[in-house]
Amino acid sequence: MTTVANIAVALVALLHLWFLVLEMFLWTKPLGLKTFRLTPEFAAASKSLAANQGLYNGFLAAGLVGGLVLGGAGNPIKIFFLGCVIIAGVFGALTVNRKILWVQGLPGAIALALVLMA
């Protein structure tokens, strides 16, 4: 079960690294515009805000990877950062788009449940 939990945590970390790339580097590019359903004008105006948000997603990924590197001793770190992922997913769903709950919150919740069961 520990292996399955760690794979889930790694997948959530990879997901947040992808969010970092989308928000920091692809926000104004065709893939970013399509992914977030943005107009080029809005993307240009909000580019620095998106980059900041992307950086925070990178911190979430880094925390999860740090927890994985520590093995069993890293479980409290994984639990903390997965909790942050879930809270961010819920907040995003309430303030931006419900889809965020499923794309960010649900994978975090599944990984958290697996870590707690391991």
PDB file of N, CA and C in Angstrom:
ATOM      1  N   MET A   1       0.817  -1.201   0.000  1.00  0.00           N
ATOM      2  CA  MET A   1       0.000   0.000   0.000  1.00  0.00           C
ATOM      3  C   MET A   1       0.857   1.260   0.000  1.00  0.00           C
ATOM      4  N   THR A   2       2.015   1.201   0.652  1.00  0.00           N
ATOM      5  CA  THR A   2       2.896   2.363   0.697  1.00  0.00           C
ATOM      6  C   THR A   2       3.347   2.751  -0.702  1.00  0.00           C
ATOM      7  N   THR A   3       3.650   1.767  -1.528  1.00  0.00           N
ATOM      8  CA  THR A   3       4.080   2.049  -2.898  1.00  0.00           C
ATOM      9  C   THR A   3       2.974   2.744  -3.683  1.00  0.00           C
ATOM     10  N   VAL A   4       1.752   2.258  -3.549  1.00  0.00           N
ATOM     11  CA  VAL A   4       0.618   2.873  -4.244  1.00  0.00           C
ATOM     12  C   VAL A   4       0.430   4.312  -3.761  1.00  0.00           C
ATOM     13  N   ALA A   5       0.533   4.528  -2.466  1.00  0.00           N
ATOM     14  CA  ALA A   5       0.397   5.882  -1.904  1.00  0.00           C
ATOM     15  C   ALA A   5       1.487   6.801  -2.446  1.00  0.00           C
ATOM     16  N   ASN A   6       2.716   6.307  -2.490  1.00  0.00           N
ATOM     17  CA  ASN A   6       3.818   7.134  -2.989  1.00  0.00           C
ATOM     18  C   ASN A   6       3.665   7.443  -4.476  1.00  0.00           C
ATOM     19  N   ILE A   7       3.147   6.491  -5.238  1.00  0.00           N
ATOM     20  CA  ILE A   7       2.890   6.755  -6.659  1.00  0.00           C
ATOM     21  C   ILE A   7       1.829   7.848  -6.791  1.00  0.00           C
ATOM     22  N   ALA A   8       0.790   7.773  -5.980  1.00  0.00           N
ATOM     23  CA  ALA A   8      -0.266   8.798  -6.022  1.00  0.00           C
ATOM     24  C   ALA A   8       0.295  10.170  -5.651  1.00  0.00           C
ATOM     25  N   VAL A   9       1.126  10.225  -4.630  1.00  0.00           N
ATOM     26  CA  VAL A   9       1.746  11.495  -4.225  1.00  0.00           C
ATOM     27  C   VAL A   9       2.629  12.025  -5.352  1.00  0.00           C
ATOM     28  N   ALA A  10       3.393  11.137  -5.976  1.00  0.00           N
ATOM     29  CA  ALA A  10       4.253  11.553  -7.092  1.00  0.00           C
ATOM     30  C   ALA A  10       3.421  12.094  -8.255  1.00  0.00           C
ATOM     31  N   LEU A  11       2.290  11.465  -8.522  1.00  0.00           N
ATOM     32  CA  LEU A  11       1.418  11.947  -9.600  1.00  0.00           C
ATOM     33  C   LEU A  11       0.853  13.333  -9.285  1.00  0.00           C
ATOM     34  N   VAL A  12       0.488  13.560  -8.035  1.00  0.00           N
ATOM     35  CA  VAL A  12      -0.001  14.890  -7.636  1.00  0.00           C
ATOM     36  C   VAL A  12       1.132  15.912  -7.773  1.00  0.00           C
ATOM     37  N   ALA A  13       2.346  15.528  -7.400  1.00  0.00           N
ATOM     38  CA  ALA A  13       3.493  16.430  -7.557  1.00  0.00           C
ATOM     39  C   ALA A  13       3.721  16.758  -9.035  1.00  0.00           C
ATOM     40  N   LEU A  14       3.659  15.741  -9.895  1.00  0.00           N
ATOM     41  CA  LEU A  14       3.829  15.974 -11.336  1.00  0.00           C
ATOM     42  C   LEU A  14       2.726  16.873 -11.891  1.00  0.00           C
ATOM     43  N   LEU A  15       1.515  16.664 -11.411  1.00  0.00           N
ATOM     44  CA  LEU A  15       0.395  17.508 -11.825  1.00  0.00           C
ATOM     45  C   LEU A  15       0.671  18.972 -11.491  1.00  0.00           C
ATOM     46  N   HIS A  16       1.210  19.210 -10.295  1.00  0.00           N
ATOM     47  CA  HIS A  16       1.491  20.589  -9.886  1.00  0.00           C
ATOM     48  C   HIS A  16       2.696  21.169 -10.612  1.00  0.00           C
ATOM     49  N   LEU A  17       3.635  20.322 -10.994  1.00  0.00           N
ATOM     50  CA  LEU A  17       4.722  20.815 -11.852  1.00  0.00           C
ATOM     51  C   LEU A  17       4.167  21.231 -13.214  1.00  0.00           C
ATOM     52  N   TRP A  18       3.202  20.464 -13.716  1.00  0.00           N
ATOM     53  CA  TRP A  18       2.564  20.824 -14.982  1.00  0.00           C
ATOM     54  C   TRP A  18       1.807  22.150 -14.843  1.00  0.00           C
ATOM     55  N   PHE A  19       1.118  22.333 -13.706  1.00  0.00           N
ATOM     56  CA  PHE A  19       0.443  23.612 -13.465  1.00  0.00           C
ATOM     57  C   PHE A  19       1.462  24.755 -13.477  1.00  0.00           C
ATOM     58  N   LEU A  20       2.629  24.527 -12.869  1.00  0.00           N
ATOM     59  CA  LEU A  20       3.691  25.536 -12.864  1.00  0.00           C
ATOM     60  C   LEU A  20       4.057  25.909 -14.293  1.00  0.00           C
ATOM     61  N   VAL A  21       4.284  24.913 -15.139  1.00  0.00           N
ATOM     62  CA  VAL A  21       4.665  25.174 -16.529  1.00  0.00           C
ATOM     63  C   VAL A  21       3.556  25.944 -17.255  1.00  0.00           C
ATOM     64  N   LEU A  22       2.324  25.490 -17.092  1.00  0.00           N
ATOM     65  CA  LEU A  22       1.200  26.162 -17.750  1.00  0.00           C
ATOM     66  C   LEU A  22       1.080  27.620 -17.321  1.00  0.00           C
ATOM     67  N   GLU A  23       1.184  27.856 -16.027  1.00  0.00           N
ATOM     68  CA  GLU A  23       0.932  29.196 -15.500  1.00  0.00           C
ATOM     69  C   GLU A  23       2.132  30.132 -15.642  1.00  0.00           C
ATOM     70  N   MET A  24       3.337  29.589 -15.561  1.00  0.00           N
ATOM     71  CA  MET A  24       4.511  30.452 -15.630  1.00  0.00           C
ATOM     72  C   MET A  24       5.022  30.660 -17.050  1.00  0.00           C
ATOM     73  N   PHE A  25       4.897  29.637 -17.898  1.00  0.00           N
ATOM     74  CA  PHE A  25       5.547  29.709 -19.204  1.00  0.00           C
ATOM     75  C   PHE A  25       4.592  29.629 -20.400  1.00  0.00           C
ATOM     76  N   LEU A  26       3.409  29.073 -20.211  1.00  0.00           N
ATOM     77  CA  LEU A  26       2.495  28.876 -21.334  1.00  0.00           C
ATOM     78  C   LEU A  26       1.212  29.700 -21.234  1.00  0.00           C
ATOM     79  N   TRP A  27       1.113  30.547 -20.239  1.00  0.00           N
ATOM     80  CA  TRP A  27      -0.108  31.314 -19.979  1.00  0.00           C
ATOM     81  C   TRP A  27      -0.593  32.076 -21.213  1.00  0.00           C
ATOM     82  N   THR A  28       0.326  32.714 -21.922  1.00  0.00           N
ATOM     83  CA  THR A  28      -0.055  33.530 -23.082  1.00  0.00           C
ATOM     84  C   THR A  28       0.127  32.791 -24.408  1.00  0.00           C
ATOM     85  N   LYS A  29       0.535  31.547 -24.352  1.00  0.00           N
ATOM     86  CA  LYS A  29       0.726  30.727 -25.552  1.00  0.00           C
ATOM     87  C   LYS A  29      -0.581  30.016 -25.890  1.00  0.00           C
ATOM     88  N   PRO A  30      -0.687  29.480 -27.109  1.00  0.00           N
ATOM     89  CA  PRO A  30      -1.941  28.815 -27.505  1.00  0.00           C
ATOM     90  C   PRO A  30      -2.426  27.742 -26.532  1.00  0.00           C
ATOM     91  N   LEU A  31      -1.523  26.906 -26.011  1.00  0.00           N
ATOM     92  CA  LEU A  31      -1.954  25.865 -25.075  1.00  0.00           C
ATOM     93  C   LEU A  31      -2.501  26.469 -23.784  1.00  0.00           C
ATOM     94  N   GLY A  32      -1.847  27.501 -23.270  1.00  0.00           N
ATOM     95  CA  GLY A  32      -2.335  28.165 -22.059  1.00  0.00           C
ATOM     96  C   GLY A  32      -3.680  28.847 -22.289  1.00  0.00           C
ATOM     97  N   LEU A  33      -3.800  29.519 -23.418  1.00  0.00           N
ATOM     98  CA  LEU A  33      -5.060  30.196 -23.743  1.00  0.00           C
ATOM     99  C   LEU A  33      -6.199  29.188 -23.841  1.00  0.00           C
ATOM    100  N   LYS A  34      -5.921  28.058 -24.486  1.00  0.00           N
ATOM    101  CA  LYS A  34      -6.953  27.029 -24.653  1.00  0.00           C
ATOM    102  C   LYS A  34      -7.285  26.361 -23.319  1.00  0.00           C
ATOM    103  N   THR A  35      -6.257  26.008 -22.570  1.00  0.00           N
ATOM    104  CA  THR A  35      -6.456  25.311 -21.293  1.00  0.00           C
ATOM    105  C   THR A  35      -7.310  26.123 -20.333  1.00  0.00           C
ATOM    106  N   PHE A  36      -7.004  27.406 -20.223  1.00  0.00           N
ATOM    107  CA  PHE A  36      -7.691  28.259 -19.256  1.00  0.00           C
ATOM    108  C   PHE A  36      -8.806  29.090 -19.881  1.00  0.00           C
ATOM    109  N   ARG A  37      -9.055  28.872 -21.166  1.00  0.00           N
ATOM    110  CA  ARG A  37     -10.113  29.592 -21.892  1.00  0.00           C
ATOM    111  C   ARG A  37      -9.971  31.109 -21.739  1.00  0.00           C
ATOM    112  N   LEU A  38      -8.785  31.592 -22.099  1.00  0.00           N
ATOM    113  CA  LEU A  38      -8.458  33.004 -21.942  1.00  0.00           C
ATOM    114  C   LEU A  38      -8.443  33.711 -23.289  1.00  0.00           C
ATOM    115  N   THR A  39      -8.727  34.979 -23.259  1.00  0.00           N
ATOM    116  CA  THR A  39      -8.475  35.803 -24.433  1.00  0.00           C
ATOM    117  C   THR A  39      -7.007  36.230 -24.377  1.00  0.00           C
ATOM    118  N   PRO A  40      -6.404  36.487 -25.518  1.00  0.00           N
ATOM    119  CA  PRO A  40      -5.010  36.948 -25.497  1.00  0.00           C
ATOM    120  C   PRO A  40      -4.829  38.224 -24.666  1.00  0.00           C
ATOM    121  N   GLU A  41      -5.817  39.101 -24.689  1.00  0.00           N
ATOM    122  CA  GLU A  41      -5.729  40.362 -23.936  1.00  0.00           C
ATOM    123  C   GLU A  41      -5.729  40.098 -22.424  1.00  0.00           C
ATOM    124  N   PHE A  42      -6.634  39.234 -21.986  1.00  0.00           N
ATOM    125  CA  PHE A  42      -6.691  38.922 -20.558  1.00  0.00           C
ATOM    126  C   PHE A  42      -5.425  38.195 -20.115  1.00  0.00           C
ATOM    127  N   ALA A  43      -4.952  37.269 -20.934  1.00  0.00           N
ATOM    128  CA  ALA A  43      -3.735  36.528 -20.597  1.00  0.00           C
ATOM    129  C   ALA A  43      -2.552  37.473 -20.447  1.00  0.00           C
ATOM    130  N   ALA A  44      -2.436  38.421 -21.366  1.00  0.00           N
ATOM    131  CA  ALA A  44      -1.332  39.385 -21.279  1.00  0.00           C
ATOM    132  C   ALA A  44      -1.437  40.239 -20.022  1.00  0.00           C
ATOM    133  N   ALA A  45      -2.652  40.665 -19.703  1.00  0.00           N
ATOM    134  CA  ALA A  45      -2.850  41.520 -18.532  1.00  0.00           C
ATOM    135  C   ALA A  45      -2.632  40.781 -17.219  1.00  0.00           C
ATOM    136  N   SER A  46      -2.850  39.476 -17.207  1.00  0.00           N
ATOM    137  CA  SER A  46      -2.765  38.706 -15.962  1.00  0.00           C
ATOM    138  C   SER A  46      -1.527  37.804 -15.906  1.00  0.00           C
ATOM    139  N   LYS A  47      -0.617  37.996 -16.830  1.00  0.00           N
ATOM    140  CA  LYS A  47       0.555  37.115 -16.927  1.00  0.00           C
ATOM    141  C   LYS A  47       1.367  37.047 -15.632  1.00  0.00           C
ATOM    142  N   SER A  48       1.619  38.179 -15.004  1.00  0.00           N
ATOM    143  CA  SER A  48       2.436  38.164 -13.780  1.00  0.00           C
ATOM    144  C   SER A  48       1.691  37.493 -12.625  1.00  0.00           C
ATOM    145  N   LEU A  49       0.371  37.662 -12.562  1.00  0.00           N
ATOM    146  CA  LEU A  49      -0.415  36.976 -11.525  1.00  0.00           C
ATOM    147  C   LEU A  49      -0.373  35.466 -11.725  1.00  0.00           C
ATOM    148  N   ALA A  50      -0.486  35.040 -12.976  1.00  0.00           N
ATOM    149  CA  ALA A  50      -0.444  33.611 -13.274  1.00  0.00           C
ATOM    150  C   ALA A  50       0.927  33.029 -12.936  1.00  0.00           C
ATOM    151  N   ALA A  51       1.980  33.769 -13.237  1.00  0.00           N
ATOM    152  CA  ALA A  51       3.328  33.297 -12.919  1.00  0.00           C
ATOM    153  C   ALA A  51       3.493  33.117 -11.410  1.00  0.00           C
ATOM    154  N   ASN A  52       2.944  34.045 -10.645  1.00  0.00           N
ATOM    155  CA  ASN A  52       3.005  33.935  -9.195  1.00  0.00           C
ATOM    156  C   ASN A  52       2.267  32.687  -8.721  1.00  0.00           C
ATOM    157  N   GLN A  53       1.091  32.461  -9.283  1.00  0.00           N
ATOM    158  CA  GLN A  53       0.305  31.275  -8.943  1.00  0.00           C
ATOM    159  C   GLN A  53       1.053  30.007  -9.334  1.00  0.00           C
ATOM    160  N   GLY A  54       1.702  30.035 -10.487  1.00  0.00           N
ATOM    161  CA  GLY A  54       2.492  28.886 -10.925  1.00  0.00           C
ATOM    162  C   GLY A  54       3.629  28.579  -9.963  1.00  0.00           C
ATOM    163  N   LEU A  55       4.255  29.627  -9.463  1.00  0.00           N
ATOM    164  CA  LEU A  55       5.338  29.434  -8.498  1.00  0.00           C
ATOM    165  C   LEU A  55       4.832  28.713  -7.249  1.00  0.00           C
ATOM    166  N   TYR A  56       3.657  29.104  -6.766  1.00  0.00           N
ATOM    167  CA  TYR A  56       3.080  28.437  -5.602  1.00  0.00           C
ATOM    168  C   TYR A  56       2.784  26.970  -5.892  1.00  0.00           C
ATOM    169  N   ASN A  57       2.333  26.665  -7.098  1.00  0.00           N
ATOM    170  CA  ASN A  57       2.124  25.266  -7.463  1.00  0.00           C
ATOM    171  C   ASN A  57       3.450  24.509  -7.458  1.00  0.00           C
ATOM    172  N   GLY A  58       4.516  25.184  -7.857  1.00  0.00           N
ATOM    173  CA  GLY A  58       5.841  24.572  -7.780  1.00  0.00           C
ATOM    174  C   GLY A  58       6.255  24.272  -6.349  1.00  0.00           C
ATOM    175  N   PHE A  59       5.901  25.164  -5.431  1.00  0.00           N
ATOM    176  CA  PHE A  59       6.203  24.913  -4.014  1.00  0.00           C
ATOM    177  C   PHE A  59       5.447  23.690  -3.499  1.00  0.00           C
ATOM    178  N   LEU A  60       4.192  23.544  -3.926  1.00  0.00           N
ATOM    179  CA  LEU A  60       3.427  22.352  -3.529  1.00  0.00           C
ATOM    180  C   LEU A  60       4.112  21.092  -4.042  1.00  0.00           C
ATOM    181  N   ALA A  61       4.533  21.121  -5.299  1.00  0.00           N
ATOM    182  CA  ALA A  61       5.226  19.962  -5.873  1.00  0.00           C
ATOM    183  C   ALA A  61       6.525  19.676  -5.122  1.00  0.00           C
ATOM    184  N   ALA A  62       7.278  20.717  -4.817  1.00  0.00           N
ATOM    185  CA  ALA A  62       8.546  20.545  -4.106  1.00  0.00           C
ATOM    186  C   ALA A  62       8.325  19.937  -2.719  1.00  0.00           C
ATOM    187  N   GLY A  63       7.305  20.380  -2.026  1.00  0.00           N
ATOM    188  CA  GLY A  63       7.002  19.817  -0.712  1.00  0.00           C
ATOM    189  C   GLY A  63       6.639  18.347  -0.806  1.00  0.00           C
ATOM    190  N   LEU A  64       5.846  17.987  -1.802  1.00  0.00           N
ATOM    191  CA  LEU A  64       5.463  16.579  -1.967  1.00  0.00           C
ATOM    192  C   LEU A  64       6.670  15.724  -2.319  1.00  0.00           C
ATOM    193  N   VAL A  65       7.525  16.227  -3.192  1.00  0.00           N
ATOM    194  CA  VAL A  65       8.742  15.483  -3.542  1.00  0.00           C
ATOM    195  C   VAL A  65       9.642  15.349  -2.317  1.00  0.00           C
ATOM    196  N   GLY A  66       9.762  16.418  -1.542  1.00  0.00           N
ATOM    197  CA  GLY A  66      10.550  16.342  -0.309  1.00  0.00           C
ATOM    198  C   GLY A  66      10.022  15.281   0.630  1.00  0.00           C
ATOM    199  N   GLY A  67       8.714  15.193   0.769  1.00  0.00           N
ATOM    200  CA  GLY A  67       8.118  14.149   1.598  1.00  0.00           C
ATOM    201  C   GLY A  67       8.419  12.762   1.061  1.00  0.00           C
ATOM    202  N   LEU A  68       8.391  12.610  -0.255  1.00  0.00           N
ATOM    203  CA  LEU A  68       8.698  11.308  -0.862  1.00  0.00           C
ATOM    204  C   LEU A  68      10.151  10.911  -0.632  1.00  0.00           C
ATOM    205  N   VAL A  69      11.051  11.871  -0.750  1.00  0.00           N
ATOM    206  CA  VAL A  69      12.483  11.596  -0.577  1.00  0.00           C
ATOM    207  C   VAL A  69      12.777  11.082   0.830  1.00  0.00           C
ATOM    208  N   LEU A  70      12.029  11.560   1.805  1.00  0.00           N
ATOM    209  CA  LEU A  70      12.254  11.154   3.196  1.00  0.00           C
ATOM    210  C   LEU A  70      11.662   9.788   3.522  1.00  0.00           C
ATOM    211  N   GLY A  71      10.964   9.175   2.598  1.00  0.00           N
ATOM    212  CA  GLY A  71      10.363   7.869   2.852  1.00  0.00           C
ATOM    213  C   GLY A  71       9.268   7.963   3.899  1.00  0.00           C
ATOM    214  N   GLY A  72       9.208   6.962   4.766  1.00  0.00           N
ATOM    215  CA  GLY A  72       8.185   6.922   5.811  1.00  0.00           C
ATOM    216  C   GLY A  72       8.245   8.111   6.744  1.00  0.00           C
ATOM    217  N   ALA A  73       9.448   8.625   6.979  1.00  0.00           N
ATOM    218  CA  ALA A  73       9.602   9.787   7.856  1.00  0.00           C
ATOM    219  C   ALA A  73       9.001  11.041   7.230  1.00  0.00           C
ATOM    220  N   GLY A  74       8.751  11.007   5.920  1.00  0.00           N
ATOM    221  CA  GLY A  74       8.190  12.159   5.236  1.00  0.00           C
ATOM    222  C   GLY A  74       6.667  12.195   5.212  1.00  0.00           C
ATOM    223  N   ASN A  75       6.024  11.213   5.847  1.00  0.00           N
ATOM    224  CA  ASN A  75       4.558  11.183   5.824  1.00  0.00           C
ATOM    225  C   ASN A  75       3.915  12.462   6.366  1.00  0.00           C
ATOM    226  N   PRO A  76       4.394  13.014   7.479  1.00  0.00           N
ATOM    227  CA  PRO A  76       3.779  14.269   7.946  1.00  0.00           C
ATOM    228  C   PRO A  76       3.901  15.393   6.913  1.00  0.00           C
ATOM    229  N   ILE A  77       4.999  15.430   6.190  1.00  0.00           N
ATOM    230  CA  ILE A  77       5.194  16.451   5.158  1.00  0.00           C
ATOM    231  C   ILE A  77       4.226  16.205   4.006  1.00  0.00           C
ATOM    232  N   LYS A  78       4.110  14.957   3.579  1.00  0.00           N
ATOM    233  CA  LYS A  78       3.165  14.621   2.506  1.00  0.00           C
ATOM    234  C   LYS A  78       1.739  14.984   2.917  1.00  0.00           C
ATOM    235  N   ILE A  79       1.382  14.662   4.136  1.00  0.00           N
ATOM    236  CA  ILE A  79       0.032  14.966   4.633  1.00  0.00           C
ATOM    237  C   ILE A  79      -0.216  16.470   4.634  1.00  0.00           C
ATOM    238  N   PHE A  80       0.762  17.242   5.104  1.00  0.00           N
ATOM    239  CA  PHE A  80       0.609  18.696   5.129  1.00  0.00           C
ATOM    240  C   PHE A  80       0.406  19.247   3.724  1.00  0.00           C
ATOM    241  N   PHE A  81       1.294  18.878   2.790  1.00  0.00           N
ATOM    242  CA  PHE A  81       1.213  19.444   1.450  1.00  0.00           C
ATOM    243  C   PHE A  81      -0.011  18.935   0.686  1.00  0.00           C
ATOM    244  N   LEU A  82      -0.416  17.690   0.908  1.00  0.00           N
ATOM    245  CA  LEU A  82      -1.650  17.215   0.284  1.00  0.00           C
ATOM    246  C   LEU A  82      -2.857  17.977   0.837  1.00  0.00           C
ATOM    247  N   GLY A  83      -2.824  18.296   2.127  1.00  0.00           N
ATOM    248  CA  GLY A  83      -3.881  19.134   2.702  1.00  0.00           C
ATOM    249  C   GLY A  83      -3.916  20.498   2.034  1.00  0.00           C
ATOM    250  N   CYS A  84      -2.743  21.072   1.774  1.00  0.00           N
ATOM    251  CA  CYS A  84      -2.676  22.364   1.072  1.00  0.00           C
ATOM    252  C   CYS A  84      -3.252  22.243  -0.336  1.00  0.00           C
ATOM    253  N   VAL A  85      -2.931  21.147  -1.019  1.00  0.00           N
ATOM    254  CA  VAL A  85      -3.458  20.909  -2.373  1.00  0.00           C
ATOM    255  C   VAL A  85      -4.985  20.844  -2.336  1.00  0.00           C
ATOM    256  N   ILE A  86      -5.520  20.125  -1.381  1.00  0.00           N
ATOM    257  CA  ILE A  86      -6.977  19.975  -1.268  1.00  0.00           C
ATOM    258  C   ILE A  86      -7.637  21.324  -0.976  1.00  0.00           C
ATOM    259  N   ILE A  87      -7.081  22.068  -0.049  1.00  0.00           N
ATOM    260  CA  ILE A  87      -7.629  23.386   0.287  1.00  0.00           C
ATOM    261  C   ILE A  87      -7.577  24.305  -0.933  1.00  0.00           C
ATOM    262  N   ALA A  88      -6.462  24.288  -1.661  1.00  0.00           N
ATOM    263  CA  ALA A  88      -6.351  25.110  -2.867  1.00  0.00           C
ATOM    264  C   ALA A  88      -7.394  24.683  -3.906  1.00  0.00           C
ATOM    265  N   GLY A  89      -7.630  23.378  -4.019  1.00  0.00           N
ATOM    266  CA  GLY A  89      -8.631  22.886  -4.955  1.00  0.00           C
ATOM    267  C   GLY A  89     -10.038  23.322  -4.586  1.00  0.00           C
ATOM    268  N   VAL A  90     -10.351  23.248  -3.310  1.00  0.00           N
ATOM    269  CA  VAL A  90     -11.678  23.689  -2.845  1.00  0.00           C
ATOM    270  C   VAL A  90     -11.837  25.195  -3.047  1.00  0.00           C
ATOM    271  N   PHE A  91     -10.824  25.954  -2.669  1.00  0.00           N
ATOM    272  CA  PHE A  91     -10.897  27.408  -2.829  1.00  0.00           C
ATOM    273  C   PHE A  91     -11.036  27.788  -4.300  1.00  0.00           C
ATOM    274  N   GLY A  92     -10.250  27.140  -5.150  1.00  0.00           N
ATOM    275  CA  GLY A  92     -10.348  27.408  -6.588  1.00  0.00           C
ATOM    276  C   GLY A  92     -11.721  27.072  -7.135  1.00  0.00           C
ATOM    277  N   ALA A  93     -12.289  25.976  -6.661  1.00  0.00           N
ATOM    278  CA  ALA A  93     -13.629  25.586  -7.113  1.00  0.00           C
ATOM    279  C   ALA A  93     -14.678  26.608  -6.684  1.00  0.00           C
ATOM    280  N   LEU A  94     -14.512  27.151  -5.496  1.00  0.00           N
ATOM    281  CA  LEU A  94     -15.480  28.129  -4.988  1.00  0.00           C
ATOM    282  C   LEU A  94     -15.332  29.506  -5.618  1.00  0.00           C
ATOM    283  N   THR A  95     -14.108  29.855  -5.999  1.00  0.00           N
ATOM    284  CA  THR A  95     -13.860  31.221  -6.457  1.00  0.00           C
ATOM    285  C   THR A  95     -13.614  31.367  -7.954  1.00  0.00           C
ATOM    286  N   VAL A  96     -13.241  30.275  -8.622  1.00  0.00           N
ATOM    287  CA  VAL A  96     -12.891  30.390 -10.040  1.00  0.00           C
ATOM    288  C   VAL A  96     -13.748  29.478 -10.910  1.00  0.00           C
ATOM    289  N   ASN A  97     -13.614  28.165 -10.693  1.00  0.00           N
ATOM    290  CA  ASN A  97     -14.280  27.200 -11.558  1.00  0.00           C
ATOM    291  C   ASN A  97     -14.390  25.872 -10.820  1.00  0.00           C
ATOM    292  N   ARG A  98     -15.571  25.278 -10.833  1.00  0.00           N
ATOM    293  CA  ARG A  98     -15.789  24.003 -10.141  1.00  0.00           C
ATOM    294  C   ARG A  98     -14.854  22.895 -10.621  1.00  0.00           C
ATOM    295  N   LYS A  99     -14.442  22.992 -11.866  1.00  0.00           N
ATOM    296  CA  LYS A  99     -13.561  21.975 -12.452  1.00  0.00           C
ATOM    297  C   LYS A  99     -12.265  21.814 -11.644  1.00  0.00           C
ATOM    298  N   ILE A 100     -11.824  22.877 -11.003  1.00  0.00           N
ATOM    299  CA  ILE A 100     -10.586  22.842 -10.213  1.00  0.00           C
ATOM    300  C   ILE A 100     -10.687  21.809  -9.091  1.00  0.00           C
ATOM    301  N   LEU A 101     -11.873  21.644  -8.540  1.00  0.00           N
ATOM    302  CA  LEU A 101     -12.058  20.646  -7.480  1.00  0.00           C
ATOM    303  C   LEU A 101     -11.700  19.257  -7.991  1.00  0.00           C
ATOM    304  N   TRP A 102     -12.090  18.950  -9.212  1.00  0.00           N
ATOM    305  CA  TRP A 102     -11.852  17.617  -9.770  1.00  0.00           C
ATOM    306  C   TRP A 102     -10.432  17.462 -10.280  1.00  0.00           C
ATOM    307  N   VAL A 103      -9.865  18.526 -10.830  1.00  0.00           N
ATOM    308  CA  VAL A 103      -8.524  18.456 -11.414  1.00  0.00           C
ATOM    309  C   VAL A 103      -7.432  18.537 -10.348  1.00  0.00           C
ATOM    310  N   GLN A 104      -7.668  19.301  -9.302  1.00  0.00           N
ATOM    311  CA  GLN A 104      -6.654  19.502  -8.269  1.00  0.00           C
ATOM    312  C   GLN A 104      -7.049  18.860  -6.942  1.00  0.00           C
ATOM    313  N   GLY A 105      -8.248  19.131  -6.484  1.00  0.00           N
ATOM    314  CA  GLY A 105      -8.659  18.657  -5.159  1.00  0.00           C
ATOM    315  C   GLY A 105      -8.830  17.152  -5.071  1.00  0.00           C
ATOM    316  N   LEU A 106      -9.483  16.556  -6.054  1.00  0.00           N
ATOM    317  CA  LEU A 106      -9.743  15.113  -6.004  1.00  0.00           C
ATOM    318  C   LEU A 106      -8.460  14.284  -6.027  1.00  0.00           C
ATOM    319  N   PRO A 107      -7.507  14.551  -6.939  1.00  0.00           N
ATOM    320  CA  PRO A 107      -6.259  13.774  -6.882  1.00  0.00           C
ATOM    321  C   PRO A 107      -5.539  13.940  -5.539  1.00  0.00           C
ATOM    322  N   GLY A 108      -5.560  15.143  -4.991  1.00  0.00           N
ATOM    323  CA  GLY A 108      -4.943  15.364  -3.684  1.00  0.00           C
ATOM    324  C   GLY A 108      -5.635  14.580  -2.591  1.00  0.00           C
ATOM    325  N   ALA A 109      -6.967  14.539  -2.632  1.00  0.00           N
ATOM    326  CA  ALA A 109      -7.732  13.791  -1.623  1.00  0.00           C
ATOM    327  C   ALA A 109      -7.489  12.291  -1.734  1.00  0.00           C
ATOM    328  N   ILE A 110      -7.411  11.789  -2.952  1.00  0.00           N
ATOM    329  CA  ILE A 110      -7.141  10.356  -3.146  1.00  0.00           C
ATOM    330  C   ILE A 110      -5.756  10.018  -2.613  1.00  0.00           C
ATOM    331  N   ALA A 111      -4.760  10.845  -2.980  1.00  0.00           N
ATOM    332  CA  ALA A 111      -3.401  10.605  -2.489  1.00  0.00           C
ATOM    333  C   ALA A 111      -3.338  10.689  -0.974  1.00  0.00           C
ATOM    334  N   LEU A 112      -4.027  11.648  -0.386  1.00  0.00           N
ATOM    335  CA  LEU A 112      -4.047  11.773   1.073  1.00  0.00           C
ATOM    336  C   LEU A 112      -4.663  10.538   1.717  1.00  0.00           C
ATOM    337  N   ALA A 113      -5.771  10.078   1.188  1.00  0.00           N
ATOM    338  CA  ALA A 113      -6.403   8.868   1.739  1.00  0.00           C
ATOM    339  C   ALA A 113      -5.451   7.686   1.667  1.00  0.00           C
ATOM    340  N   LEU A 114      -4.729   7.554   0.555  1.00  0.00           N
ATOM    341  CA  LEU A 114      -3.794   6.434   0.405  1.00  0.00           C
ATOM    342  C   LEU A 114      -2.630   6.553   1.387  1.00  0.00           C
ATOM    343  N   VAL A 115      -2.123   7.770   1.573  1.00  0.00           N
ATOM    344  CA  VAL A 115      -1.022   7.971   2.543  1.00  0.00           C
ATOM    345  C   VAL A 115      -1.518   7.620   3.948  1.00  0.00           C
ATOM    346  N   LEU A 116      -2.707   8.038   4.300  1.00  0.00           N
ATOM    347  CA  LEU A 116      -3.218   7.757   5.640  1.00  0.00           C
ATOM    348  C   LEU A 116      -3.498   6.270   5.855  1.00  0.00           C
ATOM    349  N   MET A 117      -3.825   5.556   4.793  1.00  0.00           N
ATOM    350  CA  MET A 117      -4.097   4.119   4.902  1.00  0.00           C
ATOM    351  C   MET A 117      -2.826   3.276   4.870  1.00  0.00           C
ATOM    352  N   ALA A 118      -1.723   3.861   4.377  1.00  0.00           N
ATOM    353  CA  ALA A 118      -0.480   3.077   4.222  1.00  0.00           C
ATOM    354  C   ALA A 118       0.169   2.798   5.557  1.00  0.00           C
TER     355      ALA A 118
END
